[in-house]
């Protein structure tokens, strides 16, 4: 999932520019949960 337009936390100084991030969920089980409820319950974090 891609974010909308934003300013990254890493930006500072006079060369600030727009940025965006791409996320992919990491679940706390080897196989991906099937339902939305199961995915929310098994969420461990995100690689991005």
ModelCIF file with pLDDT and N, C-alpha, C, O atoms, coordinates in Angstrom:
data_MODEL
#
_entry.id   MODEL 
#
_entity.id                         1 
_entity.type                       polymer 
_entity.pdbx_number_of_molecules   1 
#
_entity_poly.entity_id                      1 
_entity_poly.type                           'polypeptide(L)' 
_entity_poly.nstd_linkage                   no 
_entity_poly.nstd_monomer                   no 
_entity_poly.pdbx_seq_one_letter_code       
;(UNK)(UNK)(UNK)(UNK)(UNK)(UNK)(UNK)(UNK)(UNK)(UNK)(UNK)(UNK)(UNK)(UNK)(UNK)(UNK)
(UNK)(UNK)(UNK)(UNK)(UNK)(UNK)(UNK)(UNK)(UNK)(UNK)(UNK)(UNK)(UNK)(UNK)(UNK)(UNK)
(UNK)(UNK)(UNK)(UNK)(UNK)(UNK)(UNK)(UNK)(UNK)(UNK)(UNK)(UNK)(UNK)(UNK)(UNK)(UNK)
;
_entity_poly.pdbx_seq_one_letter_code_can   XXXXXXXXXXXXXXXXXXXXXXXXXXXXXXXXXXXXXXXXXXXXXXXX 
_entity_poly.pdbx_strand_id                 A 
#
loop_
_entity_poly_seq.entity_id 
_entity_poly_seq.num 
_entity_poly_seq.mon_id 
_entity_poly_seq.hetero 
1 1  UNK n 
1 2  UNK n 
1 3  UNK n 
1 4  UNK n 
1 5  UNK n 
1 6  UNK n 
1 7  UNK n 
1 8  UNK n 
1 9  UNK n 
1 10 UNK n 
1 11 UNK n 
1 12 UNK n 
1 13 UNK n 
1 14 UNK n 
1 15 UNK n 
1 16 UNK n 
1 17 UNK n 
1 18 UNK n 
1 19 UNK n 
1 20 UNK n 
1 21 UNK n 
1 22 UNK n 
1 23 UNK n 
1 24 UNK n 
1 25 UNK n 
1 26 UNK n 
1 27 UNK n 
1 28 UNK n 
1 29 UNK n 
1 30 UNK n 
1 31 UNK n 
1 32 UNK n 
1 33 UNK n 
1 34 UNK n 
1 35 UNK n 
1 36 UNK n 
1 37 UNK n 
1 38 UNK n 
1 39 UNK n 
1 40 UNK n 
1 41 UNK n 
1 42 UNK n 
1 43 UNK n 
1 44 UNK n 
1 45 UNK n 
1 46 UNK n 
1 47 UNK n 
1 48 UNK n 
#
_struct_asym.id          A 
_struct_asym.entity_id   1 
#
loop_
_ma_qa_metric.id 
_ma_qa_metric.mode 
_ma_qa_metric.name 
_ma_qa_metric.software_group_id 
_ma_qa_metric.type 
1 global pLDDT . pLDDT 
2 local  pLDDT . pLDDT 
#
_ma_qa_metric_global.metric_id      1 
_ma_qa_metric_global.metric_value   90.83 
_ma_qa_metric_global.model_id       1 
_ma_qa_metric_global.ordinal_id     1 
#
loop_
_ma_qa_metric_local.label_asym_id 
_ma_qa_metric_local.label_comp_id 
_ma_qa_metric_local.label_seq_id 
_ma_qa_metric_local.metric_id 
_ma_qa_metric_local.metric_value 
_ma_qa_metric_local.model_id 
_ma_qa_metric_local.ordinal_id 
A UNK 1  2 96.00 1 1  
A UNK 2  2 96.00 1 2  
A UNK 3  2 96.00 1 3  
A UNK 4  2 94.00 1 4  
A UNK 5  2 93.00 1 5  
A UNK 6  2 94.00 1 6  
A UNK 7  2 92.00 1 7  
A UNK 8  2 93.00 1 8  
A UNK 9  2 91.00 1 9  
A UNK 10 2 87.00 1 10 
A UNK 11 2 86.00 1 11 
A UNK 12 2 83.00 1 12 
A UNK 13 2 77.00 1 13 
A UNK 14 2 77.00 1 14 
A UNK 15 2 80.00 1 15 
A UNK 16 2 88.00 1 16 
A UNK 17 2 90.00 1 17 
A UNK 18 2 93.00 1 18 
A UNK 19 2 93.00 1 19 
A UNK 20 2 95.00 1 20 
A UNK 21 2 96.00 1 21 
A UNK 22 2 97.00 1 22 
A UNK 23 2 97.00 1 23 
A UNK 24 2 96.00 1 24 
A UNK 25 2 96.00 1 25 
A UNK 26 2 95.00 1 26 
A UNK 27 2 94.00 1 27 
A UNK 28 2 88.00 1 28 
A UNK 29 2 77.00 1 29 
A UNK 30 2 69.00 1 30 
A UNK 31 2 79.00 1 31 
A UNK 32 2 83.00 1 32 
A UNK 33 2 90.00 1 33 
A UNK 34 2 89.00 1 34 
A UNK 35 2 93.00 1 35 
A UNK 36 2 94.00 1 36 
A UNK 37 2 93.00 1 37 
A UNK 38 2 93.00 1 38 
A UNK 39 2 94.00 1 39 
A UNK 40 2 94.00 1 40 
A UNK 41 2 92.00 1 41 
A UNK 42 2 92.00 1 42 
A UNK 43 2 95.00 1 43 
A UNK 44 2 95.00 1 44 
A UNK 45 2 96.00 1 45 
A UNK 46 2 97.00 1 46 
A UNK 47 2 96.00 1 47 
A UNK 48 2 96.00 1 48 
#
loop_
_atom_site.group_PDB 
_atom_site.id 
_atom_site.type_symbol 
_atom_site.label_atom_id 
_atom_site.label_alt_id 
_atom_site.label_comp_id 
_atom_site.label_asym_id 
_atom_site.label_entity_id 
_atom_site.label_seq_id 
_atom_site.pdbx_PDB_ins_code 
_atom_site.Cartn_x 
_atom_site.Cartn_y 
_atom_site.Cartn_z 
_atom_site.occupancy 
_atom_site.B_iso_or_equiv 
_atom_site.pdbx_formal_charge 
_atom_site.auth_seq_id 
_atom_site.auth_comp_id 
_atom_site.auth_asym_id 
_atom_site.auth_atom_id 
_atom_site.pdbx_PDB_model_num 
ATOM 1   N N  . UNK A 1 1  ? 0.848   -1.194  0.000  1.00 96.00 ? 1  UNK A N  1 
ATOM 2   C CA . UNK A 1 1  ? 0.000   0.000   0.000  1.00 96.00 ? 1  UNK A CA 1 
ATOM 3   C C  . UNK A 1 1  ? 0.881   1.240   0.000  1.00 96.00 ? 1  UNK A C  1 
ATOM 4   O O  . UNK A 1 1  ? 1.835   1.343   0.771  1.00 96.00 ? 1  UNK A O  1 
ATOM 5   N N  . UNK A 1 2  ? 0.541   2.186   -0.884 1.00 96.00 ? 2  UNK A N  1 
ATOM 6   C CA . UNK A 1 2  ? 1.292   3.434   -1.041 1.00 96.00 ? 2  UNK A CA 1 
ATOM 7   C C  . UNK A 1 2  ? 0.588   4.551   -0.282 1.00 96.00 ? 2  UNK A C  1 
ATOM 8   O O  . UNK A 1 2  ? -0.640  4.639   -0.305 1.00 96.00 ? 2  UNK A O  1 
ATOM 9   N N  . UNK A 1 3  ? 1.365   5.416   0.399  1.00 96.00 ? 3  UNK A N  1 
ATOM 10  C CA . UNK A 1 3  ? 0.775   6.558   1.089  1.00 96.00 ? 3  UNK A CA 1 
ATOM 11  C C  . UNK A 1 3  ? 0.480   7.676   0.094  1.00 96.00 ? 3  UNK A C  1 
ATOM 12  O O  . UNK A 1 3  ? 0.924   7.650   -1.054 1.00 96.00 ? 3  UNK A O  1 
ATOM 13  N N  . UNK A 1 4  ? -0.276  8.651   0.569  1.00 94.00 ? 4  UNK A N  1 
ATOM 14  C CA . UNK A 1 4  ? -0.439  9.873   -0.195 1.00 94.00 ? 4  UNK A CA 1 
ATOM 15  C C  . UNK A 1 4  ? 0.804   10.744  -0.064 1.00 94.00 ? 4  UNK A C  1 
ATOM 16  O O  . UNK A 1 4  ? 1.800   10.345  0.540  1.00 94.00 ? 4  UNK A O  1 
ATOM 17  N N  . UNK A 1 5  ? 0.727   11.938  -0.639 1.00 93.00 ? 5  UNK A N  1 
ATOM 18  C CA . UNK A 1 5  ? 1.831   12.890  -0.582 1.00 93.00 ? 5  UNK A CA 1 
ATOM 19  C C  . UNK A 1 5  ? 2.042   13.331  0.865  1.00 93.00 ? 5  UNK A C  1 
ATOM 20  O O  . UNK A 1 5  ? 1.080   13.652  1.562  1.00 93.00 ? 5  UNK A O  1 
ATOM 21  N N  . UNK A 1 6  ? 3.301   13.348  1.319  1.00 94.00 ? 6  UNK A N  1 
ATOM 22  C CA . UNK A 1 6  ? 3.598   13.765  2.679  1.00 94.00 ? 6  UNK A CA 1 
ATOM 23  C C  . UNK A 1 6  ? 5.033   14.271  2.759  1.00 94.00 ? 6  UNK A C  1 
ATOM 24  O O  . UNK A 1 6  ? 5.791   14.182  1.793  1.00 94.00 ? 6  UNK A O  1 
ATOM 25  N N  . UNK A 1 7  ? 5.390   14.798  3.915  1.00 92.00 ? 7  UNK A N  1 
ATOM 26  C CA . UNK A 1 7  ? 6.774   15.217  4.173  1.00 92.00 ? 7  UNK A CA 1 
ATOM 27  C C  . UNK A 1 7  ? 7.396   14.189  5.108  1.00 92.00 ? 7  UNK A C  1 
ATOM 28  O O  . UNK A 1 7  ? 6.865   13.937  6.190  1.00 92.00 ? 7  UNK A O  1 
ATOM 29  N N  . UNK A 1 8  ? 8.502   13.600  4.710  1.00 93.00 ? 8  UNK A N  1 
ATOM 30  C CA . UNK A 1 8  ? 9.147   12.548  5.485  1.00 93.00 ? 8  UNK A CA 1 
ATOM 31  C C  . UNK A 1 8  ? 9.752   13.106  6.773  1.00 93.00 ? 8  UNK A C  1 
ATOM 32  O O  . UNK A 1 8  ? 10.155  14.267  6.833  1.00 93.00 ? 8  UNK A O  1 
ATOM 33  N N  . UNK A 1 9  ? 9.807   12.262  7.795  1.00 91.00 ? 9  UNK A N  1 
ATOM 34  C CA . UNK A 1 9  ? 10.441  12.652  9.054  1.00 91.00 ? 9  UNK A CA 1 
ATOM 35  C C  . UNK A 1 9  ? 11.914  12.987  8.828  1.00 91.00 ? 9  UNK A C  1 
ATOM 36  O O  . UNK A 1 9  ? 12.496  13.792  9.553  1.00 91.00 ? 9  UNK A O  1 
ATOM 37  N N  . UNK A 1 10 ? 12.514  12.350  7.799  1.00 87.00 ? 10 UNK A N  1 
ATOM 38  C CA . UNK A 1 10 ? 13.934  12.560  7.542  1.00 87.00 ? 10 UNK A CA 1 
ATOM 39  C C  . UNK A 1 10 ? 14.242  13.936  6.943  1.00 87.00 ? 10 UNK A C  1 
ATOM 40  O O  . UNK A 1 10 ? 15.410  14.318  6.859  1.00 87.00 ? 10 UNK A O  1 
ATOM 41  N N  . UNK A 1 11 ? 13.221  14.683  6.527  1.00 86.00 ? 11 UNK A N  1 
ATOM 42  C CA . UNK A 1 11 ? 13.468  15.962  5.875  1.00 86.00 ? 11 UNK A CA 1 
ATOM 43  C C  . UNK A 1 11 ? 13.883  17.032  6.896  1.00 86.00 ? 11 UNK A C  1 
ATOM 44  O O  . UNK A 1 11 ? 13.313  17.125  7.982  1.00 86.00 ? 11 UNK A O  1 
ATOM 45  N N  . UNK A 1 12 ? 14.867  17.819  6.531  1.00 83.00 ? 12 UNK A N  1 
ATOM 46  C CA . UNK A 1 12 ? 15.273  18.950  7.362  1.00 83.00 ? 12 UNK A CA 1 
ATOM 47  C C  . UNK A 1 12 ? 16.083  19.907  6.487  1.00 83.00 ? 12 UNK A C  1 
ATOM 48  O O  . UNK A 1 12 ? 16.496  19.552  5.383  1.00 83.00 ? 12 UNK A O  1 
ATOM 49  N N  . UNK A 1 13 ? 16.300  21.090  6.977  1.00 77.00 ? 13 UNK A N  1 
ATOM 50  C CA . UNK A 1 13 ? 17.088  22.065  6.234  1.00 77.00 ? 13 UNK A CA 1 
ATOM 51  C C  . UNK A 1 13 ? 16.263  22.758  5.164  1.00 77.00 ? 13 UNK A C  1 
ATOM 52  O O  . UNK A 1 13 ? 15.043  22.872  5.286  1.00 77.00 ? 13 UNK A O  1 
ATOM 53  N N  . UNK A 1 14 ? 16.933  23.222  4.112  1.00 77.00 ? 14 UNK A N  1 
ATOM 54  C CA . UNK A 1 14 ? 16.287  24.035  3.081  1.00 77.00 ? 14 UNK A CA 1 
ATOM 55  C C  . UNK A 1 14 ? 15.862  23.229  1.864  1.00 77.00 ? 14 UNK A C  1 
ATOM 56  O O  . UNK A 1 14 ? 15.201  23.777  0.982  1.00 77.00 ? 14 UNK A O  1 
ATOM 57  N N  . UNK A 1 15 ? 16.215  21.939  1.781  1.00 80.00 ? 15 UNK A N  1 
ATOM 58  C CA . UNK A 1 15 ? 15.904  21.141  0.602  1.00 80.00 ? 15 UNK A CA 1 
ATOM 59  C C  . UNK A 1 15 ? 14.778  20.154  0.879  1.00 80.00 ? 15 UNK A C  1 
ATOM 60  O O  . UNK A 1 15 ? 14.864  18.983  0.507  1.00 80.00 ? 15 UNK A O  1 
ATOM 61  N N  . UNK A 1 16 ? 13.738  20.623  1.523  1.00 88.00 ? 16 UNK A N  1 
ATOM 62  C CA . UNK A 1 16 ? 12.599  19.760  1.844  1.00 88.00 ? 16 UNK A CA 1 
ATOM 63  C C  . UNK A 1 16 ? 11.792  19.523  0.572  1.00 88.00 ? 16 UNK A C  1 
ATOM 64  O O  . UNK A 1 16 ? 11.524  20.454  -0.189 1.00 88.00 ? 16 UNK A O  1 
ATOM 65  N N  . UNK A 1 17 ? 11.413  18.281  0.353  1.00 90.00 ? 17 UNK A N  1 
ATOM 66  C CA . UNK A 1 17 ? 10.653  17.917  -0.840 1.00 90.00 ? 17 UNK A CA 1 
ATOM 67  C C  . UNK A 1 17 ? 9.590   16.888  -0.458 1.00 90.00 ? 17 UNK A C  1 
ATOM 68  O O  . UNK A 1 17 ? 9.692   16.255  0.593  1.00 90.00 ? 17 UNK A O  1 
ATOM 69  N N  . UNK A 1 18 ? 8.566   16.713  -1.307 1.00 93.00 ? 18 UNK A N  1 
ATOM 70  C CA . UNK A 1 18 ? 7.529   15.717  -1.005 1.00 93.00 ? 18 UNK A CA 1 
ATOM 71  C C  . UNK A 1 18 ? 8.127   14.315  -0.972 1.00 93.00 ? 18 UNK A C  1 
ATOM 72  O O  . UNK A 1 18 ? 9.194   14.059  -1.530 1.00 93.00 ? 18 UNK A O  1 
ATOM 73  N N  . UNK A 1 19 ? 7.414   13.423  -0.310 1.00 93.00 ? 19 UNK A N  1 
ATOM 74  C CA . UNK A 1 19 ? 7.854   12.037  -0.245 1.00 93.00 ? 19 UNK A CA 1 
ATOM 75  C C  . UNK A 1 19 ? 6.663   11.106  -0.154 1.00 93.00 ? 19 UNK A C  1 
ATOM 76  O O  . UNK A 1 19 ? 5.519   11.555  -0.088 1.00 93.00 ? 19 UNK A O  1 
ATOM 77  N N  . UNK A 1 20 ? 6.930   9.812   -0.150 1.00 95.00 ? 20 UNK A N  1 
ATOM 78  C CA . UNK A 1 20 ? 5.889   8.809   0.026  1.00 95.00 ? 20 UNK A CA 1 
ATOM 79  C C  . UNK A 1 20 ? 6.550   7.512   0.492  1.00 95.00 ? 20 UNK A C  1 
ATOM 80  O O  . UNK A 1 20 ? 7.758   7.319   0.358  1.00 95.00 ? 20 UNK A O  1 
ATOM 81  N N  . UNK A 1 21 ? 5.714   6.632   1.042  1.00 96.00 ? 21 UNK A N  1 
ATOM 82  C CA . UNK A 1 21 ? 6.197   5.356   1.561  1.00 96.00 ? 21 UNK A CA 1 
ATOM 83  C C  . UNK A 1 21 ? 5.329   4.235   1.008  1.00 96.00 ? 21 UNK A C  1 
ATOM 84  O O  . UNK A 1 21 ? 4.159   4.445   0.688  1.00 96.00 ? 21 UNK A O  1 
ATOM 85  N N  . UNK A 1 22 ? 5.914   3.033   0.895  1.00 97.00 ? 22 UNK A N  1 
ATOM 86  C CA . UNK A 1 22 ? 5.178   1.836   0.493  1.00 97.00 ? 22 UNK A CA 1 
ATOM 87  C C  . UNK A 1 22 ? 5.277   0.834   1.650  1.00 97.00 ? 22 UNK A C  1 
ATOM 88  O O  . UNK A 1 22 ? 6.372   0.527   2.121  1.00 97.00 ? 22 UNK A O  1 
ATOM 89  N N  . UNK A 1 23 ? 4.123   0.329   2.101  1.00 97.00 ? 23 UNK A N  1 
ATOM 90  C CA . UNK A 1 23 ? 4.071   -0.607  3.215  1.00 97.00 ? 23 UNK A CA 1 
ATOM 91  C C  . UNK A 1 23 ? 3.648   -1.998  2.730  1.00 97.00 ? 23 UNK A C  1 
ATOM 92  O O  . UNK A 1 23 ? 2.865   -2.122  1.788  1.00 97.00 ? 23 UNK A O  1 
ATOM 93  N N  . UNK A 1 24 ? 4.175   -3.043  3.383  1.00 96.00 ? 24 UNK A N  1 
ATOM 94  C CA . UNK A 1 24 ? 3.722   -4.418  3.201  1.00 96.00 ? 24 UNK A CA 1 
ATOM 95  C C  . UNK A 1 24 ? 3.614   -5.042  4.591  1.00 96.00 ? 24 UNK A C  1 
ATOM 96  O O  . UNK A 1 24 ? 4.581   -5.014  5.352  1.00 96.00 ? 24 UNK A O  1 
ATOM 97  N N  . UNK A 1 25 ? 2.440   -5.611  4.937  1.00 96.00 ? 25 UNK A N  1 
ATOM 98  C CA . UNK A 1 25 ? 2.254   -6.102  6.308  1.00 96.00 ? 25 UNK A CA 1 
ATOM 99  C C  . UNK A 1 25 ? 3.039   -7.380  6.598  1.00 96.00 ? 25 UNK A C  1 
ATOM 100 O O  . UNK A 1 25 ? 3.269   -8.206  5.715  1.00 96.00 ? 25 UNK A O  1 
ATOM 101 N N  . UNK A 1 26 ? 3.439   -7.514  7.852  1.00 95.00 ? 26 UNK A N  1 
ATOM 102 C CA . UNK A 1 26 ? 4.075   -8.734  8.350  1.00 95.00 ? 26 UNK A CA 1 
ATOM 103 C C  . UNK A 1 26 ? 3.156   -9.312  9.422  1.00 95.00 ? 26 UNK A C  1 
ATOM 104 O O  . UNK A 1 26 ? 2.823   -8.645  10.402 1.00 95.00 ? 26 UNK A O  1 
ATOM 105 N N  . UNK A 1 27 ? 2.754   -10.566 9.215  1.00 94.00 ? 27 UNK A N  1 
ATOM 106 C CA . UNK A 1 27 ? 1.845   -11.200 10.154 1.00 94.00 ? 27 UNK A CA 1 
ATOM 107 C C  . UNK A 1 27 ? 2.612   -12.196 11.029 1.00 94.00 ? 27 UNK A C  1 
ATOM 108 O O  . UNK A 1 27 ? 3.653   -12.726 10.641 1.00 94.00 ? 27 UNK A O  1 
ATOM 109 N N  . UNK A 1 28 ? 2.059   -12.428 12.220 1.00 88.00 ? 28 UNK A N  1 
ATOM 110 C CA . UNK A 1 28 ? 2.731   -13.288 13.204 1.00 88.00 ? 28 UNK A CA 1 
ATOM 111 C C  . UNK A 1 28 ? 2.398   -14.748 12.979 1.00 88.00 ? 28 UNK A C  1 
ATOM 112 O O  . UNK A 1 28 ? 2.147   -15.478 13.938 1.00 88.00 ? 28 UNK A O  1 
ATOM 113 N N  . UNK A 1 29 ? 2.391   -15.188 11.733 1.00 77.00 ? 29 UNK A N  1 
ATOM 114 C CA . UNK A 1 29 ? 2.194   -16.589 11.397 1.00 77.00 ? 29 UNK A CA 1 
ATOM 115 C C  . UNK A 1 29 ? 2.756   -16.821 10.009 1.00 77.00 ? 29 UNK A C  1 
ATOM 116 O O  . UNK A 1 29 ? 2.870   -15.889 9.213  1.00 77.00 ? 29 UNK A O  1 
ATOM 117 N N  . UNK A 1 30 ? 3.115   -18.093 9.712  1.00 69.00 ? 30 UNK A N  1 
ATOM 118 C CA . UNK A 1 30 ? 3.831   -18.392 8.480  1.00 69.00 ? 30 UNK A CA 1 
ATOM 119 C C  . UNK A 1 30 ? 2.981   -18.158 7.243  1.00 69.00 ? 30 UNK A C  1 
ATOM 120 O O  . UNK A 1 30 ? 3.481   -17.675 6.227  1.00 69.00 ? 30 UNK A O  1 
ATOM 121 N N  . UNK A 1 31 ? 1.670   -18.504 7.324  1.00 79.00 ? 31 UNK A N  1 
ATOM 122 C CA . UNK A 1 31 ? 0.785   -18.301 6.183  1.00 79.00 ? 31 UNK A CA 1 
ATOM 123 C C  . UNK A 1 31 ? -0.062  -17.067 6.409  1.00 79.00 ? 31 UNK A C  1 
ATOM 124 O O  . UNK A 1 31 ? -0.414  -16.739 7.542  1.00 79.00 ? 31 UNK A O  1 
ATOM 125 N N  . UNK A 1 32 ? -0.390  -16.380 5.316  1.00 83.00 ? 32 UNK A N  1 
ATOM 126 C CA . UNK A 1 32 ? -1.154  -15.138 5.429  1.00 83.00 ? 32 UNK A CA 1 
ATOM 127 C C  . UNK A 1 32 ? -2.575  -15.434 5.872  1.00 83.00 ? 32 UNK A C  1 
ATOM 128 O O  . UNK A 1 32 ? -3.199  -16.331 5.305  1.00 83.00 ? 32 UNK A O  1 
ATOM 129 N N  . UNK A 1 33 ? -3.124  -14.729 6.858  1.00 90.00 ? 33 UNK A N  1 
ATOM 130 C CA . UNK A 1 33 ? -4.513  -14.915 7.274  1.00 90.00 ? 33 UNK A CA 1 
ATOM 131 C C  . UNK A 1 33 ? -5.453  -14.636 6.113  1.00 90.00 ? 33 UNK A C  1 
ATOM 132 O O  . UNK A 1 33 ? -5.137  -13.861 5.210  1.00 90.00 ? 33 UNK A O  1 
ATOM 133 N N  . UNK A 1 34 ? -6.632  -15.290 6.153  1.00 89.00 ? 34 UNK A N  1 
ATOM 134 C CA . UNK A 1 34 ? -7.558  -15.205 5.032  1.00 89.00 ? 34 UNK A CA 1 
ATOM 135 C C  . UNK A 1 34 ? -8.511  -14.031 5.183  1.00 89.00 ? 34 UNK A C  1 
ATOM 136 O O  . UNK A 1 34 ? -8.765  -13.323 4.208  1.00 89.00 ? 34 UNK A O  1 
ATOM 137 N N  . UNK A 1 35 ? -9.043  -13.806 6.372  1.00 93.00 ? 35 UNK A N  1 
ATOM 138 C CA . UNK A 1 35 ? -10.055 -12.772 6.574  1.00 93.00 ? 35 UNK A CA 1 
ATOM 139 C C  . UNK A 1 35 ? -9.415  -11.489 7.092  1.00 93.00 ? 35 UNK A C  1 
ATOM 140 O O  . UNK A 1 35 ? -8.292  -11.484 7.596  1.00 93.00 ? 35 UNK A O  1 
ATOM 141 N N  . UNK A 1 36 ? -10.173 -10.396 6.949  1.00 94.00 ? 36 UNK A N  1 
ATOM 142 C CA . UNK A 1 36 ? -9.683  -9.106  7.445  1.00 94.00 ? 36 UNK A CA 1 
ATOM 143 C C  . UNK A 1 36 ? -9.499  -9.150  8.956  1.00 94.00 ? 36 UNK A C  1 
ATOM 144 O O  . UNK A 1 36 ? -8.506  -8.652  9.486  1.00 94.00 ? 36 UNK A O  1 
ATOM 145 N N  . UNK A 1 37 ? -10.468 -9.752  9.645  1.00 93.00 ? 37 UNK A N  1 
ATOM 146 C CA . UNK A 1 37 ? -10.368 -9.827  11.102 1.00 93.00 ? 37 UNK A CA 1 
ATOM 147 C C  . UNK A 1 37 ? -9.134  -10.613 11.534 1.00 93.00 ? 37 UNK A C  1 
ATOM 148 O O  . UNK A 1 37 ? -8.449  -10.242 12.487 1.00 93.00 ? 37 UNK A O  1 
ATOM 149 N N  . UNK A 1 38 ? -8.860  -11.710 10.816 1.00 93.00 ? 38 UNK A N  1 
ATOM 150 C CA . UNK A 1 38 ? -7.678  -12.512 11.161 1.00 93.00 ? 38 UNK A CA 1 
ATOM 151 C C  . UNK A 1 38 ? -6.395  -11.751 10.872 1.00 93.00 ? 38 UNK A C  1 
ATOM 152 O O  . UNK A 1 38 ? -5.419  -11.872 11.612 1.00 93.00 ? 38 UNK A O  1 
ATOM 153 N N  . UNK A 1 39 ? -6.391  -10.975 9.809  1.00 94.00 ? 39 UNK A N  1 
ATOM 154 C CA . UNK A 1 39 ? -5.194  -10.187 9.490  1.00 94.00 ? 39 UNK A CA 1 
ATOM 155 C C  . UNK A 1 39 ? -4.942  -9.131  10.552 1.00 94.00 ? 39 UNK A C  1 
ATOM 156 O O  . UNK A 1 39 ? -3.800  -8.909  10.952 1.00 94.00 ? 39 UNK A O  1 
ATOM 157 N N  . UNK A 1 40 ? -5.998  -8.481  11.007 1.00 94.00 ? 40 UNK A N  1 
ATOM 158 C CA . UNK A 1 40 ? -5.812  -7.471  12.031 1.00 94.00 ? 40 UNK A CA 1 
ATOM 159 C C  . UNK A 1 40 ? -5.302  -8.088  13.332 1.00 94.00 ? 40 UNK A C  1 
ATOM 160 O O  . UNK A 1 40 ? -4.467  -7.510  14.028 1.00 94.00 ? 40 UNK A O  1 
ATOM 161 N N  . UNK A 1 41 ? -5.827  -9.285  13.644 1.00 92.00 ? 41 UNK A N  1 
ATOM 162 C CA . UNK A 1 41 ? -5.406  -9.926  14.893 1.00 92.00 ? 41 UNK A CA 1 
ATOM 163 C C  . UNK A 1 41 ? -3.964  -10.414 14.826 1.00 92.00 ? 41 UNK A C  1 
ATOM 164 O O  . UNK A 1 41 ? -3.256  -10.422 15.833 1.00 92.00 ? 41 UNK A O  1 
ATOM 165 N N  . UNK A 1 42 ? -3.526  -10.830 13.610 1.00 92.00 ? 42 UNK A N  1 
ATOM 166 C CA . UNK A 1 42 ? -2.186  -11.419 13.477 1.00 92.00 ? 42 UNK A CA 1 
ATOM 167 C C  . UNK A 1 42 ? -1.119  -10.396 13.098 1.00 92.00 ? 42 UNK A C  1 
ATOM 168 O O  . UNK A 1 42 ? 0.043   -10.757 12.911 1.00 92.00 ? 42 UNK A O  1 
ATOM 169 N N  . UNK A 1 43 ? -1.505  -9.111  12.983 1.00 95.00 ? 43 UNK A N  1 
ATOM 170 C CA . UNK A 1 43 ? -0.536  -8.112  12.516 1.00 95.00 ? 43 UNK A CA 1 
ATOM 171 C C  . UNK A 1 43 ? 0.642   -7.987  13.476 1.00 95.00 ? 43 UNK A C  1 
ATOM 172 O O  . UNK A 1 43 ? 0.464   -7.828  14.684 1.00 95.00 ? 43 UNK A O  1 
ATOM 173 N N  . UNK A 1 44 ? 1.836   -8.062  12.921 1.00 95.00 ? 44 UNK A N  1 
ATOM 174 C CA . UNK A 1 44 ? 3.065   -7.922  13.700 1.00 95.00 ? 44 UNK A CA 1 
ATOM 175 C C  . UNK A 1 44 ? 3.736   -6.571  13.448 1.00 95.00 ? 44 UNK A C  1 
ATOM 176 O O  . UNK A 1 44 ? 4.328   -5.974  14.348 1.00 95.00 ? 44 UNK A O  1 
ATOM 177 N N  . UNK A 1 45 ? 3.630   -6.113  12.219 1.00 96.00 ? 45 UNK A N  1 
ATOM 178 C CA . UNK A 1 45 ? 4.248   -4.837  11.859 1.00 96.00 ? 45 UNK A CA 1 
ATOM 179 C C  . UNK A 1 45 ? 4.266   -4.695  10.354 1.00 96.00 ? 45 UNK A C  1 
ATOM 180 O O  . UNK A 1 45 ? 3.498   -5.362  9.661  1.00 96.00 ? 45 UNK A O  1 
ATOM 181 N N  . UNK A 1 46 ? 5.134   -3.832  9.830  1.00 97.00 ? 46 UNK A N  1 
ATOM 182 C CA . UNK A 1 46 ? 5.211   -3.576  8.395  1.00 97.00 ? 46 UNK A CA 1 
ATOM 183 C C  . UNK A 1 46 ? 6.677   -3.446  7.977  1.00 97.00 ? 46 UNK A C  1 
ATOM 184 O O  . UNK A 1 46 ? 7.488   -2.847  8.682  1.00 97.00 ? 46 UNK A O  1 
ATOM 185 N N  . UNK A 1 47 ? 7.000   -4.026  6.802  1.00 96.00 ? 47 UNK A N  1 
ATOM 186 C CA . UNK A 1 47 ? 8.238   -3.635  6.127  1.00 96.00 ? 47 UNK A CA 1 
ATOM 187 C C  . UNK A 1 47 ? 7.862   -2.510  5.161  1.00 96.00 ? 47 UNK A C  1 
ATOM 188 O O  . UNK A 1 47 ? 6.770   -2.516  4.593  1.00 96.00 ? 47 UNK A O  1 
ATOM 189 N N  . UNK A 1 48 ? 8.749   -1.564  4.978  1.00 96.00 ? 48 UNK A N  1 
ATOM 190 C CA . UNK A 1 48 ? 8.391   -0.414  4.156  1.00 96.00 ? 48 UNK A CA 1 
ATOM 191 C C  . UNK A 1 48 ? 9.628   0.166   3.490  1.00 96.00 ? 48 UNK A C  1 
ATOM 192 O O  . UNK A 1 48 ? 9.530   1.146   2.752  1.00 96.00 ? 48 UNK A O  1 
#
